[in-house]
Amino acid sequence: MVDHDLLERVLRLDAEARRELRDAIDQSLPAEVAPRLAALLDARIAEADAHPGDAVPWEVVRDRARTKVATAKKTA
């Protein structure tokens, strides 16, 4: 149940204070991961652990993305 007096006080805070409060509340709660997402993450981690040589360095991924964006801008 929501304490409406508290809610009214929170809503009177400026946007930055509300964001800070939201972040503090969010950090106080346990992380929630849906079972399907947890299973997918576990599978991807297992795959990465089984084939570490298949990893693509961040710099390569970043450069490929930049190239795709630049190409898309030229054709737009």
N, C-alpha and C. Protein backbone atom coordinates (compact mmCIF):
# COMPACT_ATOMS: atom_id res chain seq x y z
N MET A 1 0.83 -1.17 0.00
CA MET A 1 0.00 0.00 0.00
C MET A 1 0.89 1.25 0.00
N VAL A 2 0.52 2.21 -0.80
CA VAL A 2 1.30 3.42 -0.94
C VAL A 2 0.90 4.43 0.14
N ASP A 3 1.89 5.01 0.78
CA ASP A 3 1.66 6.09 1.73
C ASP A 3 1.50 7.37 0.89
N HIS A 4 0.28 7.83 0.74
CA HIS A 4 0.00 8.95 -0.15
C HIS A 4 0.63 10.26 0.32
N ASP A 5 0.76 10.44 1.62
CA ASP A 5 1.45 11.64 2.13
C ASP A 5 2.91 11.62 1.71
N LEU A 6 3.53 10.46 1.82
CA LEU A 6 4.92 10.33 1.41
C LEU A 6 5.04 10.55 -0.10
N LEU A 7 4.13 9.97 -0.86
CA LEU A 7 4.15 10.14 -2.31
C LEU A 7 4.04 11.62 -2.68
N GLU A 8 3.16 12.34 -2.05
CA GLU A 8 3.01 13.77 -2.33
C GLU A 8 4.30 14.53 -2.03
N ARG A 9 4.96 14.18 -0.92
CA ARG A 9 6.23 14.83 -0.58
C ARG A 9 7.29 14.53 -1.62
N VAL A 10 7.33 13.29 -2.08
CA VAL A 10 8.32 12.89 -3.09
C VAL A 10 8.05 13.65 -4.39
N LEU A 11 6.80 13.76 -4.78
CA LEU A 11 6.47 14.43 -6.04
C LEU A 11 6.77 15.92 -6.01
N ARG A 12 6.92 16.49 -4.84
CA ARG A 12 7.29 17.91 -4.73
C ARG A 12 8.80 18.11 -4.88
N LEU A 13 9.57 17.04 -4.83
CA LEU A 13 11.02 17.14 -5.03
C LEU A 13 11.31 17.51 -6.48
N ASP A 14 12.47 18.13 -6.71
CA ASP A 14 12.85 18.42 -8.10
C ASP A 14 13.23 17.11 -8.79
N ALA A 15 13.34 17.17 -10.11
CA ALA A 15 13.57 15.96 -10.92
C ALA A 15 14.84 15.23 -10.50
N GLU A 16 15.91 15.97 -10.24
CA GLU A 16 17.18 15.32 -9.87
C GLU A 16 17.05 14.59 -8.54
N ALA A 17 16.40 15.19 -7.58
CA ALA A 17 16.21 14.54 -6.28
C ALA A 17 15.35 13.30 -6.42
N ARG A 18 14.31 13.36 -7.28
CA ARG A 18 13.47 12.17 -7.50
C ARG A 18 14.26 11.06 -8.16
N ARG A 19 15.16 11.43 -9.10
CA ARG A 19 16.00 10.41 -9.74
C ARG A 19 16.92 9.75 -8.71
N GLU A 20 17.53 10.56 -7.85
CA GLU A 20 18.42 10.02 -6.81
C GLU A 20 17.65 9.10 -5.88
N LEU A 21 16.45 9.51 -5.51
CA LEU A 21 15.61 8.67 -4.64
C LEU A 21 15.24 7.37 -5.33
N ARG A 22 14.85 7.47 -6.60
CA ARG A 22 14.51 6.28 -7.38
C ARG A 22 15.69 5.32 -7.42
N ASP A 23 16.89 5.86 -7.70
CA ASP A 23 18.07 5.00 -7.78
C ASP A 23 18.37 4.34 -6.43
N ALA A 24 18.21 5.09 -5.35
CA ALA A 24 18.46 4.54 -4.02
C ALA A 24 17.47 3.42 -3.71
N ILE A 25 16.21 3.63 -4.06
CA ILE A 25 15.20 2.59 -3.84
C ILE A 25 15.51 1.38 -4.71
N ASP A 26 15.85 1.63 -5.97
CA ASP A 26 16.15 0.54 -6.89
C ASP A 26 17.32 -0.30 -6.39
N GLN A 27 18.35 0.35 -5.86
CA GLN A 27 19.52 -0.37 -5.35
C GLN A 27 19.20 -1.16 -4.09
N SER A 28 18.15 -0.78 -3.38
CA SER A 28 17.80 -1.49 -2.15
C SER A 28 17.00 -2.76 -2.42
N LEU A 29 16.54 -2.92 -3.65
CA LEU A 29 15.71 -4.09 -4.00
C LEU A 29 16.58 -5.18 -4.61
N PRO A 30 16.17 -6.44 -4.42
CA PRO A 30 16.93 -7.52 -5.06
C PRO A 30 16.74 -7.48 -6.57
N ALA A 31 17.77 -7.88 -7.28
CA ALA A 31 17.69 -7.92 -8.75
C ALA A 31 16.65 -8.97 -9.15
N GLU A 32 15.87 -8.62 -10.15
CA GLU A 32 14.85 -9.54 -10.64
C GLU A 32 15.19 -9.93 -12.07
N VAL A 33 15.41 -11.22 -12.26
CA VAL A 33 15.70 -11.74 -13.60
C VAL A 33 14.70 -12.85 -13.88
N ALA A 34 13.99 -12.69 -14.97
CA ALA A 34 13.01 -13.70 -15.36
C ALA A 34 13.71 -15.03 -15.60
N PRO A 35 13.06 -16.14 -15.28
CA PRO A 35 13.69 -17.45 -15.46
C PRO A 35 14.18 -17.71 -16.89
N ARG A 36 13.41 -17.28 -17.89
CA ARG A 36 13.85 -17.49 -19.27
C ARG A 36 15.12 -16.70 -19.58
N LEU A 37 15.18 -15.46 -19.08
CA LEU A 37 16.37 -14.65 -19.30
C LEU A 37 17.56 -15.23 -18.56
N ALA A 38 17.35 -15.71 -17.34
CA ALA A 38 18.44 -16.33 -16.58
C ALA A 38 18.98 -17.55 -17.32
N ALA A 39 18.08 -18.36 -17.88
CA ALA A 39 18.51 -19.54 -18.63
C ALA A 39 19.29 -19.15 -19.87
N LEU A 40 18.82 -18.11 -20.57
CA LEU A 40 19.52 -17.65 -21.76
C LEU A 40 20.90 -17.13 -21.41
N LEU A 41 21.01 -16.34 -20.34
CA LEU A 41 22.31 -15.83 -19.91
C LEU A 41 23.24 -16.97 -19.52
N ASP A 42 22.73 -17.94 -18.79
CA ASP A 42 23.55 -19.10 -18.41
C ASP A 42 24.07 -19.83 -19.64
N ALA A 43 23.20 -20.00 -20.64
CA ALA A 43 23.60 -20.70 -21.87
C ALA A 43 24.67 -19.91 -22.62
N ARG A 44 24.50 -18.61 -22.69
CA ARG A 44 25.48 -17.79 -23.41
C ARG A 44 26.82 -17.75 -22.68
N ILE A 45 26.78 -17.71 -21.36
CA ILE A 45 28.02 -17.73 -20.58
C ILE A 45 28.73 -19.07 -20.78
N ALA A 46 27.97 -20.16 -20.75
CA ALA A 46 28.56 -21.49 -20.96
C ALA A 46 29.18 -21.58 -22.35
N GLU A 47 28.50 -21.04 -23.36
CA GLU A 47 29.02 -21.05 -24.73
C GLU A 47 30.31 -20.23 -24.81
N ALA A 48 30.32 -19.07 -24.19
CA ALA A 48 31.52 -18.23 -24.21
C ALA A 48 32.68 -18.91 -23.48
N ASP A 49 32.38 -19.57 -22.36
CA ASP A 49 33.42 -20.28 -21.62
C ASP A 49 33.96 -21.46 -22.41
N ALA A 50 33.08 -22.12 -23.17
CA ALA A 50 33.50 -23.29 -23.95
C ALA A 50 34.32 -22.90 -25.17
N HIS A 51 34.12 -21.68 -25.69
CA HIS A 51 34.82 -21.25 -26.91
C HIS A 51 35.37 -19.83 -26.75
N PRO A 52 36.34 -19.65 -25.86
CA PRO A 52 36.84 -18.30 -25.60
C PRO A 52 37.49 -17.65 -26.82
N GLY A 53 37.98 -18.43 -27.75
CA GLY A 53 38.61 -17.89 -28.96
C GLY A 53 37.63 -17.25 -29.92
N ASP A 54 36.34 -17.50 -29.74
CA ASP A 54 35.33 -16.94 -30.63
C ASP A 54 34.96 -15.50 -30.26
N ALA A 55 35.46 -15.02 -29.14
CA ALA A 55 35.12 -13.68 -28.69
C ALA A 55 35.64 -12.63 -29.67
N VAL A 56 34.88 -11.57 -29.84
CA VAL A 56 35.28 -10.47 -30.71
C VAL A 56 35.62 -9.29 -29.81
N PRO A 57 36.81 -8.75 -29.95
CA PRO A 57 37.20 -7.61 -29.11
C PRO A 57 36.25 -6.43 -29.29
N TRP A 58 36.05 -5.67 -28.21
CA TRP A 58 35.16 -4.52 -28.25
C TRP A 58 35.53 -3.55 -29.37
N GLU A 59 36.81 -3.31 -29.57
CA GLU A 59 37.25 -2.36 -30.59
C GLU A 59 36.76 -2.77 -31.97
N VAL A 60 36.76 -4.07 -32.24
CA VAL A 60 36.30 -4.57 -33.54
C VAL A 60 34.79 -4.36 -33.68
N VAL A 61 34.06 -4.69 -32.64
CA VAL A 61 32.60 -4.50 -32.66
C VAL A 61 32.28 -3.02 -32.85
N ARG A 62 32.95 -2.16 -32.10
CA ARG A 62 32.72 -0.72 -32.20
C ARG A 62 33.01 -0.20 -33.61
N ASP A 63 34.14 -0.62 -34.19
CA ASP A 63 34.50 -0.16 -35.53
C ASP A 63 33.51 -0.65 -36.58
N ARG A 64 33.05 -1.88 -36.45
CA ARG A 64 32.05 -2.40 -37.39
C ARG A 64 30.75 -1.58 -37.29
N ALA A 65 30.34 -1.28 -36.07
CA ALA A 65 29.12 -0.51 -35.87
C ALA A 65 29.27 0.89 -36.46
N ARG A 66 30.40 1.52 -36.23
CA ARG A 66 30.63 2.85 -36.79
C ARG A 66 30.61 2.83 -38.31
N THR A 67 31.18 1.79 -38.91
CA THR A 67 31.17 1.67 -40.35
C THR A 67 29.75 1.52 -40.88
N LYS A 68 28.95 0.70 -40.19
CA LYS A 68 27.55 0.51 -40.62
C LYS A 68 26.77 1.81 -40.52
N VAL A 69 26.98 2.55 -39.45
CA VAL A 69 26.27 3.82 -39.27
C VAL A 69 26.68 4.81 -40.35
N ALA A 70 27.98 4.90 -40.61
CA ALA A 70 28.49 5.83 -41.62
C ALA A 70 27.92 5.47 -43.00
N THR A 71 27.88 4.18 -43.31
CA THR A 71 27.33 3.73 -44.59
C THR A 71 25.84 4.04 -44.69
N ALA A 72 25.13 3.81 -43.63
CA ALA A 72 23.69 4.09 -43.62
C ALA A 72 23.43 5.58 -43.80
N LYS A 73 24.24 6.42 -43.19
CA LYS A 73 24.06 7.87 -43.33
C LYS A 73 24.30 8.32 -44.76
N LYS A 74 25.28 7.69 -45.45
CA LYS A 74 25.58 8.06 -46.83
C LYS A 74 24.46 7.68 -47.78
N THR A 75 23.78 6.56 -47.47
CA THR A 75 22.72 6.09 -48.37
C THR A 75 21.36 6.66 -48.02
N ALA A 76 21.27 7.38 -46.91
CA ALA A 76 19.97 7.92 -46.48
C ALA A 76 19.63 9.20 -47.20
